[in-house]
């Protein structure tokens, strides 16, 4: 019997922590001609929104300007029993005049620039995503005995003596 998805979902505080601790996300857009584009980016999760500083001439920024919906994936863990993550869906908006931008910039600088003020660049624009839909998972919440892959991972860990060395991936 499958494990109900709601049992594996991240609670809001868990999602906030994942997004605060994750160093990079993968952002997917779609061009006007239907071609997908995925790029790894730095970001900050600030006041319930995802903020990033995007190169103006990038394909991503052009796709967003043309009205592309976006999907953003943040994940953590390397071994099956520790995998967790979230996919956020919605639309980025130009955040250049957003009242929350100063706080987002400060949070970004703290996360990536050791708190130093970020230099202003004319080549980049701030984008903001308030998620319309979030799908999340945390395999650490899988109950013991419900997934045989966890038993394999545990057996390998026990035999190697090294935590997390299961060698299994979904």
N, C-alpha and C. Protein backbone atom coordinates (compact mmCIF):
# COMPACT_ATOMS: atom_id res chain seq x y z
N UNK A 1 0.83 -1.18 0.00
CA UNK A 1 0.00 0.00 0.00
C UNK A 1 0.88 1.25 0.00
N UNK A 2 0.64 2.19 -0.93
CA UNK A 2 1.46 3.40 -1.00
C UNK A 2 1.34 4.25 0.27
N UNK A 3 2.39 4.99 0.53
CA UNK A 3 2.39 5.92 1.66
C UNK A 3 1.67 7.18 1.20
N UNK A 4 0.70 7.66 1.95
CA UNK A 4 -0.01 8.89 1.54
C UNK A 4 0.97 10.06 1.41
N UNK A 5 0.84 10.80 0.32
CA UNK A 5 1.74 11.94 0.06
C UNK A 5 1.76 12.94 1.21
N UNK A 6 0.59 13.17 1.80
CA UNK A 6 0.56 14.16 2.88
C UNK A 6 1.44 13.76 4.06
N UNK A 7 1.71 12.46 4.19
CA UNK A 7 2.57 11.98 5.28
C UNK A 7 4.03 12.36 5.04
N UNK A 8 4.41 12.51 3.76
CA UNK A 8 5.80 12.81 3.42
C UNK A 8 6.04 14.30 3.16
N UNK A 9 4.99 15.10 3.12
CA UNK A 9 5.14 16.53 2.83
C UNK A 9 5.91 17.24 3.93
N UNK A 10 6.61 18.29 3.51
CA UNK A 10 7.29 19.15 4.47
C UNK A 10 6.26 20.08 5.11
N UNK A 11 6.35 20.25 6.41
CA UNK A 11 5.55 21.26 7.11
C UNK A 11 6.16 22.61 6.76
N UNK A 12 5.42 23.70 7.00
CA UNK A 12 5.91 25.03 6.61
C UNK A 12 7.27 25.34 7.22
N UNK A 13 7.48 25.03 8.49
CA UNK A 13 8.78 25.32 9.11
C UNK A 13 9.89 24.47 8.50
N UNK A 14 9.57 23.25 8.08
CA UNK A 14 10.55 22.38 7.43
C UNK A 14 10.90 22.91 6.03
N UNK A 15 9.88 23.39 5.31
CA UNK A 15 10.10 23.99 3.99
C UNK A 15 10.95 25.24 4.14
N UNK A 16 10.62 26.10 5.10
CA UNK A 16 11.40 27.31 5.33
C UNK A 16 12.86 26.98 5.62
N UNK A 17 13.11 25.96 6.44
CA UNK A 17 14.46 25.55 6.79
C UNK A 17 15.19 25.00 5.56
N UNK A 18 14.53 24.14 4.77
CA UNK A 18 15.14 23.60 3.56
C UNK A 18 15.56 24.74 2.63
N UNK A 19 14.66 25.69 2.41
CA UNK A 19 14.95 26.78 1.48
C UNK A 19 15.99 27.75 2.03
N UNK A 20 16.09 27.86 3.34
CA UNK A 20 17.13 28.70 3.95
C UNK A 20 18.50 28.03 3.83
N UNK A 21 18.54 26.71 3.95
CA UNK A 21 19.81 25.97 3.96
C UNK A 21 20.31 25.59 2.58
N UNK A 22 19.42 25.49 1.60
CA UNK A 22 19.81 25.07 0.25
C UNK A 22 20.59 26.18 -0.43
N UNK A 23 21.71 25.81 -1.02
CA UNK A 23 22.61 26.80 -1.63
C UNK A 23 22.18 27.18 -3.05
N UNK A 24 21.66 26.22 -3.79
CA UNK A 24 21.26 26.53 -5.17
C UNK A 24 19.98 25.79 -5.52
N UNK A 25 19.24 26.39 -6.42
CA UNK A 25 18.00 25.80 -6.92
C UNK A 25 18.15 25.58 -8.42
N UNK A 26 17.22 24.83 -8.99
CA UNK A 26 17.15 24.67 -10.44
C UNK A 26 15.84 25.31 -10.88
N UNK A 27 15.96 26.27 -11.79
CA UNK A 27 14.80 27.04 -12.26
C UNK A 27 14.50 26.62 -13.70
N UNK A 28 13.24 26.24 -13.93
CA UNK A 28 12.81 25.83 -15.27
C UNK A 28 11.83 26.84 -15.82
N UNK A 29 12.08 27.27 -17.06
CA UNK A 29 11.17 28.15 -17.79
C UNK A 29 10.87 27.52 -19.14
N UNK A 30 9.95 28.13 -19.85
CA UNK A 30 9.59 27.66 -21.19
C UNK A 30 9.61 28.86 -22.13
N UNK A 31 10.30 28.73 -23.26
CA UNK A 31 10.37 29.83 -24.23
C UNK A 31 9.05 29.95 -24.98
N UNK A 32 8.83 31.07 -25.66
CA UNK A 32 7.60 31.24 -26.43
C UNK A 32 7.37 30.14 -27.47
N UNK A 33 8.46 29.52 -27.96
CA UNK A 33 8.29 28.44 -28.95
C UNK A 33 8.18 27.06 -28.28
N UNK A 34 8.07 27.04 -26.95
CA UNK A 34 7.82 25.79 -26.24
C UNK A 34 9.05 25.03 -25.77
N UNK A 35 10.24 25.58 -25.96
CA UNK A 35 11.46 24.88 -25.55
C UNK A 35 11.71 25.10 -24.06
N UNK A 36 11.97 24.02 -23.32
CA UNK A 36 12.27 24.15 -21.89
C UNK A 36 13.69 24.64 -21.67
N UNK A 37 13.90 25.27 -20.53
CA UNK A 37 15.23 25.75 -20.14
C UNK A 37 15.35 25.59 -18.63
N UNK A 38 16.43 24.96 -18.18
CA UNK A 38 16.67 24.75 -16.75
C UNK A 38 18.05 25.30 -16.42
N UNK A 39 18.14 26.05 -15.31
CA UNK A 39 19.43 26.60 -14.90
C UNK A 39 19.57 26.56 -13.39
N UNK A 40 20.79 26.22 -12.91
CA UNK A 40 21.05 26.29 -11.47
C UNK A 40 21.33 27.74 -11.08
N UNK A 41 20.74 28.18 -9.97
CA UNK A 41 20.90 29.58 -9.57
C UNK A 41 20.98 29.73 -8.06
N UNK A 42 21.61 30.80 -7.62
CA UNK A 42 21.56 31.21 -6.23
C UNK A 42 20.24 31.92 -6.00
N UNK A 43 19.77 31.89 -4.78
CA UNK A 43 18.47 32.47 -4.46
C UNK A 43 18.40 32.75 -2.97
N UNK A 44 17.35 33.40 -2.57
CA UNK A 44 17.05 33.55 -1.16
C UNK A 44 15.54 33.38 -0.98
N UNK A 45 15.16 32.70 0.10
CA UNK A 45 13.77 32.54 0.49
C UNK A 45 13.54 33.59 1.57
N UNK A 46 12.70 34.57 1.26
CA UNK A 46 12.52 35.71 2.16
C UNK A 46 11.05 36.09 2.22
N UNK A 47 10.50 36.05 3.43
CA UNK A 47 9.11 36.44 3.67
C UNK A 47 8.13 35.72 2.74
N UNK A 48 8.30 34.41 2.62
CA UNK A 48 7.37 33.59 1.85
C UNK A 48 7.50 33.69 0.35
N UNK A 49 8.60 34.25 -0.12
CA UNK A 49 8.83 34.37 -1.56
C UNK A 49 10.27 33.97 -1.88
N UNK A 50 10.46 33.54 -3.11
CA UNK A 50 11.78 33.18 -3.61
C UNK A 50 12.28 34.35 -4.46
N UNK A 51 13.48 34.81 -4.15
CA UNK A 51 14.06 35.96 -4.84
C UNK A 51 15.37 35.53 -5.50
N UNK A 52 15.61 36.04 -6.71
CA UNK A 52 16.90 35.81 -7.34
C UNK A 52 17.29 37.00 -8.18
N UNK A 53 18.59 37.10 -8.41
CA UNK A 53 19.17 38.19 -9.19
C UNK A 53 19.56 37.60 -10.53
N UNK A 54 18.82 37.93 -11.56
CA UNK A 54 18.96 37.27 -12.85
C UNK A 54 19.57 38.18 -13.90
N UNK A 55 20.47 37.63 -14.68
CA UNK A 55 21.07 38.36 -15.79
C UNK A 55 19.96 38.78 -16.76
N UNK A 56 19.88 40.04 -17.08
CA UNK A 56 18.80 40.57 -17.93
C UNK A 56 18.77 39.89 -19.30
N UNK A 57 19.94 39.65 -19.87
CA UNK A 57 19.99 39.07 -21.21
C UNK A 57 19.95 37.54 -21.21
N UNK A 58 19.67 36.93 -20.07
CA UNK A 58 19.62 35.47 -20.01
C UNK A 58 18.33 34.96 -20.66
N UNK A 59 18.40 33.74 -21.10
CA UNK A 59 17.21 33.10 -21.67
C UNK A 59 16.09 33.05 -20.64
N UNK A 60 16.43 32.80 -19.37
CA UNK A 60 15.45 32.72 -18.28
C UNK A 60 14.68 34.04 -18.16
N UNK A 61 15.40 35.16 -18.13
CA UNK A 61 14.74 36.46 -17.97
C UNK A 61 13.89 36.77 -19.19
N UNK A 62 14.34 36.43 -20.37
CA UNK A 62 13.54 36.63 -21.58
C UNK A 62 12.28 35.77 -21.54
N UNK A 63 12.41 34.50 -21.09
CA UNK A 63 11.24 33.62 -20.98
C UNK A 63 10.24 34.19 -19.98
N UNK A 64 10.73 34.66 -18.84
CA UNK A 64 9.86 35.24 -17.81
C UNK A 64 9.15 36.47 -18.37
N UNK A 65 9.88 37.33 -19.08
CA UNK A 65 9.28 38.54 -19.65
C UNK A 65 8.20 38.20 -20.68
N UNK A 66 8.35 37.04 -21.34
CA UNK A 66 7.36 36.61 -22.33
C UNK A 66 6.18 35.89 -21.67
N UNK A 67 6.19 35.78 -20.34
CA UNK A 67 5.05 35.18 -19.64
C UNK A 67 5.20 33.72 -19.27
N UNK A 68 6.41 33.19 -19.33
CA UNK A 68 6.62 31.79 -19.00
C UNK A 68 6.26 31.49 -17.55
N UNK A 69 5.50 30.41 -17.33
CA UNK A 69 5.39 29.91 -15.96
C UNK A 69 6.74 29.31 -15.59
N UNK A 70 6.97 29.14 -14.29
CA UNK A 70 8.24 28.57 -13.85
C UNK A 70 8.00 27.44 -12.86
N UNK A 71 8.97 26.55 -12.81
CA UNK A 71 9.04 25.53 -11.77
C UNK A 71 10.45 25.62 -11.20
N UNK A 72 10.52 25.58 -9.88
CA UNK A 72 11.78 25.70 -9.18
C UNK A 72 11.93 24.49 -8.27
N UNK A 73 13.08 23.82 -8.34
CA UNK A 73 13.33 22.65 -7.51
C UNK A 73 14.48 22.92 -6.56
N UNK A 74 14.22 22.67 -5.28
CA UNK A 74 15.25 22.72 -4.24
C UNK A 74 15.26 21.35 -3.59
N UNK A 75 16.44 20.76 -3.44
CA UNK A 75 16.48 19.44 -2.82
C UNK A 75 17.74 19.29 -1.99
N UNK A 76 17.71 18.29 -1.12
CA UNK A 76 18.84 18.02 -0.24
C UNK A 76 18.93 16.52 -0.01
N UNK A 77 20.12 16.08 0.39
CA UNK A 77 20.35 14.66 0.66
C UNK A 77 21.01 14.00 -0.52
N UNK A 78 21.79 12.96 -0.22
CA UNK A 78 22.44 12.21 -1.29
C UNK A 78 22.05 10.74 -1.29
N UNK A 79 21.66 10.23 -0.16
CA UNK A 79 21.26 8.83 -0.07
C UNK A 79 19.75 8.73 0.06
N UNK A 80 19.20 7.64 -0.41
CA UNK A 80 17.75 7.46 -0.45
C UNK A 80 17.03 7.82 0.86
N UNK A 81 17.48 7.34 2.00
CA UNK A 81 16.74 7.60 3.24
C UNK A 81 16.75 9.05 3.71
N UNK A 82 17.59 9.90 3.09
CA UNK A 82 17.69 11.28 3.54
C UNK A 82 17.18 12.30 2.52
N UNK A 83 16.65 11.83 1.39
CA UNK A 83 16.21 12.74 0.34
C UNK A 83 15.00 13.56 0.78
N UNK A 84 15.04 14.85 0.48
CA UNK A 84 13.92 15.74 0.73
C UNK A 84 14.02 16.91 -0.24
N UNK A 85 12.91 17.53 -0.50
CA UNK A 85 12.94 18.65 -1.43
C UNK A 85 11.57 19.23 -1.66
N UNK A 86 11.53 20.20 -2.57
CA UNK A 86 10.28 20.87 -2.91
C UNK A 86 10.36 21.40 -4.33
N UNK A 87 9.22 21.40 -5.00
CA UNK A 87 9.07 22.04 -6.30
C UNK A 87 8.03 23.13 -6.12
N UNK A 88 8.43 24.36 -6.45
CA UNK A 88 7.56 25.52 -6.33
C UNK A 88 7.17 25.95 -7.74
N UNK A 89 5.89 26.19 -7.95
CA UNK A 89 5.42 26.59 -9.27
C UNK A 89 4.75 27.96 -9.19
N UNK A 90 4.83 28.69 -10.28
CA UNK A 90 4.18 30.00 -10.35
C UNK A 90 4.78 30.83 -11.46
N UNK A 91 4.85 32.13 -11.22
CA UNK A 91 5.40 33.06 -12.21
C UNK A 91 6.30 34.06 -11.50
N UNK A 92 7.48 34.27 -12.07
CA UNK A 92 8.36 35.32 -11.55
C UNK A 92 7.84 36.67 -12.00
N UNK A 93 8.05 37.67 -11.16
CA UNK A 93 7.75 39.05 -11.53
C UNK A 93 8.99 39.89 -11.30
N UNK A 94 9.12 40.94 -12.06
CA UNK A 94 10.21 41.89 -11.87
C UNK A 94 10.01 42.53 -10.50
N UNK A 95 10.99 42.41 -9.63
CA UNK A 95 10.86 42.89 -8.26
C UNK A 95 11.64 44.18 -8.02
N UNK A 96 12.05 44.87 -9.08
CA UNK A 96 12.87 46.07 -8.96
C UNK A 96 12.25 47.12 -8.05
N UNK A 97 10.93 47.24 -8.06
CA UNK A 97 10.25 48.25 -7.25
C UNK A 97 9.50 47.65 -6.06
N UNK A 98 9.73 46.38 -5.78
CA UNK A 98 9.02 45.72 -4.69
C UNK A 98 9.48 46.27 -3.34
N UNK A 99 8.55 46.57 -2.44
CA UNK A 99 8.94 47.10 -1.13
C UNK A 99 9.78 46.12 -0.29
N UNK A 100 9.70 44.84 -0.59
CA UNK A 100 10.48 43.85 0.15
C UNK A 100 11.88 43.62 -0.40
N UNK A 101 12.23 44.33 -1.48
CA UNK A 101 13.51 44.08 -2.13
C UNK A 101 14.71 44.36 -1.23
N UNK A 102 14.67 45.41 -0.44
CA UNK A 102 15.81 45.73 0.43
C UNK A 102 16.08 44.58 1.39
N UNK A 103 15.05 44.03 1.98
CA UNK A 103 15.21 42.89 2.89
C UNK A 103 15.73 41.66 2.17
N UNK A 104 15.23 41.42 0.95
CA UNK A 104 15.69 40.27 0.17
C UNK A 104 17.16 40.43 -0.21
N UNK A 105 17.55 41.65 -0.59
CA UNK A 105 18.96 41.90 -0.93
C UNK A 105 19.86 41.66 0.28
N UNK A 106 19.43 42.11 1.44
CA UNK A 106 20.21 41.91 2.66
C UNK A 106 20.33 40.42 2.99
N UNK A 107 19.24 39.69 2.83
CA UNK A 107 19.26 38.24 3.09
C UNK A 107 20.16 37.53 2.08
N UNK A 108 20.12 37.95 0.83
CA UNK A 108 20.96 37.38 -0.22
C UNK A 108 22.44 37.64 0.09
N UNK A 109 22.74 38.90 0.48
CA UNK A 109 24.12 39.26 0.82
C UNK A 109 24.61 38.46 2.02
N UNK A 110 23.76 38.24 3.00
CA UNK A 110 24.14 37.46 4.18
C UNK A 110 24.42 36.01 3.79
N UNK A 111 23.62 35.47 2.88
CA UNK A 111 23.75 34.07 2.49
C UNK A 111 24.97 33.81 1.61
N UNK A 112 25.25 34.72 0.66
CA UNK A 112 26.28 34.44 -0.33
C UNK A 112 27.51 35.34 -0.27
N UNK A 113 27.41 36.50 0.37
CA UNK A 113 28.51 37.47 0.35
C UNK A 113 29.00 37.81 1.77
N UNK A 114 28.79 36.91 2.72
CA UNK A 114 29.22 37.11 4.11
C UNK A 114 28.70 38.43 4.68
N UNK A 115 27.56 38.86 4.21
CA UNK A 115 26.93 40.07 4.74
C UNK A 115 27.36 41.35 4.05
N UNK A 116 28.37 41.26 3.20
CA UNK A 116 28.81 42.46 2.48
C UNK A 116 27.71 42.92 1.54
N UNK A 117 27.58 44.21 1.37
CA UNK A 117 26.56 44.73 0.47
C UNK A 117 26.86 44.29 -0.96
N UNK A 118 25.81 43.84 -1.63
CA UNK A 118 25.99 43.40 -3.01
C UNK A 118 26.21 44.60 -3.92
N UNK A 119 27.17 44.49 -4.83
CA UNK A 119 27.36 45.59 -5.77
C UNK A 119 26.15 45.72 -6.70
N UNK A 120 25.81 46.94 -7.03
CA UNK A 120 24.71 47.19 -7.96
C UNK A 120 25.24 46.94 -9.37
N UNK A 121 24.50 46.16 -10.14
CA UNK A 121 24.89 45.90 -11.53
C UNK A 121 23.72 46.19 -12.45
N UNK A 122 24.01 46.85 -13.54
CA UNK A 122 22.96 47.18 -14.51
C UNK A 122 22.62 45.97 -15.39
N UNK A 123 23.41 44.93 -15.29
CA UNK A 123 23.22 43.76 -16.15
C UNK A 123 22.23 42.75 -15.56
N UNK A 124 21.77 42.98 -14.32
CA UNK A 124 20.90 42.04 -13.64
C UNK A 124 19.60 42.70 -13.18
N UNK A 125 18.58 41.86 -13.00
CA UNK A 125 17.29 42.30 -12.50
C UNK A 125 16.88 41.36 -11.37
N UNK A 126 16.20 41.89 -10.38
CA UNK A 126 15.68 41.06 -9.29
C UNK A 126 14.33 40.50 -9.69
N UNK A 127 14.17 39.19 -9.51
CA UNK A 127 12.90 38.52 -9.80
C UNK A 127 12.37 37.91 -8.50
N UNK A 128 11.06 37.87 -8.39
CA UNK A 128 10.40 37.35 -7.19
C UNK A 128 9.33 36.35 -7.60
N UNK A 129 9.28 35.24 -6.86
CA UNK A 129 8.27 34.21 -7.08
C UNK A 129 7.53 33.98 -5.77
N UNK A 130 6.24 34.24 -5.78
CA UNK A 130 5.37 33.84 -4.68
C UNK A 130 4.70 32.57 -5.19
N UNK A 131 5.05 31.41 -4.63
CA UNK A 131 4.56 30.15 -5.18
C UNK A 131 3.04 30.03 -5.19
N UNK A 132 2.53 29.56 -6.32
CA UNK A 132 1.09 29.27 -6.44
C UNK A 132 0.80 27.83 -6.03
N UNK A 133 1.82 26.97 -6.18
CA UNK A 133 1.69 25.56 -5.83
C UNK A 133 3.05 25.06 -5.34
N UNK A 134 3.01 24.23 -4.30
CA UNK A 134 4.24 23.64 -3.78
C UNK A 134 4.01 22.14 -3.58
N UNK A 135 4.90 21.34 -4.13
CA UNK A 135 4.91 19.90 -3.88
C UNK A 135 6.21 19.61 -3.14
N UNK A 136 6.14 18.88 -2.04
CA UNK A 136 7.34 18.62 -1.26
C UNK A 136 7.37 17.17 -0.79
N UNK A 137 8.55 16.74 -0.37
CA UNK A 137 8.72 15.36 0.11
C UNK A 137 9.87 15.32 1.10
N UNK A 138 9.81 14.37 1.98
CA UNK A 138 10.88 14.13 2.95
C UNK A 138 10.91 12.63 3.24
N UNK A 139 11.85 11.94 2.62
CA UNK A 139 11.93 10.50 2.77
C UNK A 139 12.32 10.08 4.19
N UNK A 140 12.82 11.02 4.98
CA UNK A 140 13.14 10.70 6.37
C UNK A 140 11.87 10.40 7.16
N UNK A 141 10.71 10.76 6.61
CA UNK A 141 9.42 10.52 7.27
C UNK A 141 8.80 9.17 6.91
N UNK A 142 9.45 8.42 6.04
CA UNK A 142 8.89 7.12 5.66
C UNK A 142 8.94 6.20 6.87
N UNK A 143 7.80 5.65 7.27
CA UNK A 143 7.79 4.76 8.44
C UNK A 143 8.62 3.50 8.19
N UNK A 144 9.28 3.07 9.23
CA UNK A 144 10.10 1.84 9.18
C UNK A 144 9.23 0.69 8.69
N UNK A 145 9.77 -0.09 7.78
CA UNK A 145 9.07 -1.26 7.27
C UNK A 145 8.12 -0.97 6.11
N UNK A 146 7.97 0.29 5.70
CA UNK A 146 7.04 0.64 4.63
C UNK A 146 7.68 0.73 3.26
N UNK A 147 9.01 0.79 3.19
CA UNK A 147 9.69 0.92 1.91
C UNK A 147 10.92 0.00 1.93
N UNK A 148 10.92 -1.04 1.09
CA UNK A 148 12.04 -1.98 1.11
C UNK A 148 13.38 -1.33 0.76
N UNK A 149 13.36 -0.21 0.07
CA UNK A 149 14.62 0.47 -0.28
C UNK A 149 15.32 0.99 0.98
N UNK A 150 14.53 1.35 2.00
CA UNK A 150 15.12 1.79 3.26
C UNK A 150 15.84 0.65 3.96
N UNK A 151 15.27 -0.54 3.86
CA UNK A 151 15.90 -1.70 4.49
C UNK A 151 17.22 -2.04 3.82
N UNK A 152 17.28 -1.92 2.49
CA UNK A 152 18.53 -2.16 1.76
C UNK A 152 19.57 -1.13 2.20
N UNK A 153 19.15 0.14 2.28
CA UNK A 153 20.07 1.20 2.69
C UNK A 153 20.59 0.95 4.10
N UNK A 154 19.72 0.55 5.00
CA UNK A 154 20.11 0.28 6.39
C UNK A 154 21.07 -0.91 6.44
N UNK A 155 20.80 -1.96 5.68
CA UNK A 155 21.67 -3.14 5.66
C UNK A 155 23.06 -2.77 5.14
N UNK A 156 23.13 -1.97 4.11
CA UNK A 156 24.43 -1.56 3.57
C UNK A 156 25.18 -0.69 4.57
N UNK A 157 24.46 0.20 5.23
CA UNK A 157 25.06 1.05 6.24
C UNK A 157 25.63 0.19 7.37
N UNK A 158 24.86 -0.79 7.83
CA UNK A 158 25.30 -1.66 8.92
C UNK A 158 26.54 -2.46 8.52
N UNK A 159 26.59 -2.92 7.26
CA UNK A 159 27.71 -3.74 6.83
C UNK A 159 28.97 -2.91 6.57
N UNK A 160 28.79 -1.66 6.14
CA UNK A 160 29.97 -0.83 5.85
C UNK A 160 30.45 -0.07 7.07
N UNK A 161 29.55 0.12 8.05
CA UNK A 161 29.91 0.89 9.23
C UNK A 161 29.90 2.38 8.98
N UNK A 162 29.56 2.79 7.76
CA UNK A 162 29.52 4.21 7.44
C UNK A 162 28.09 4.65 7.24
N UNK A 163 27.66 5.64 8.01
CA UNK A 163 26.29 6.13 7.85
C UNK A 163 26.07 6.70 6.45
N UNK A 164 24.89 6.44 5.90
CA UNK A 164 24.52 7.02 4.63
C UNK A 164 25.17 6.42 3.42
N UNK A 165 25.87 5.32 3.52
CA UNK A 165 26.54 4.73 2.37
C UNK A 165 25.72 3.60 1.79
N UNK A 166 24.50 3.92 1.43
CA UNK A 166 23.63 2.86 0.92
C UNK A 166 23.85 2.58 -0.54
N UNK A 167 24.28 3.60 -1.29
CA UNK A 167 24.49 3.41 -2.71
C UNK A 167 23.21 3.33 -3.51
N UNK A 168 22.06 3.54 -2.88
CA UNK A 168 20.80 3.47 -3.62
C UNK A 168 20.29 4.87 -3.88
N UNK A 169 19.72 5.06 -5.04
CA UNK A 169 19.08 6.31 -5.42
C UNK A 169 17.74 5.94 -6.06
N UNK A 170 16.79 6.84 -5.98
CA UNK A 170 15.49 6.53 -6.61
C UNK A 170 15.61 6.41 -8.11
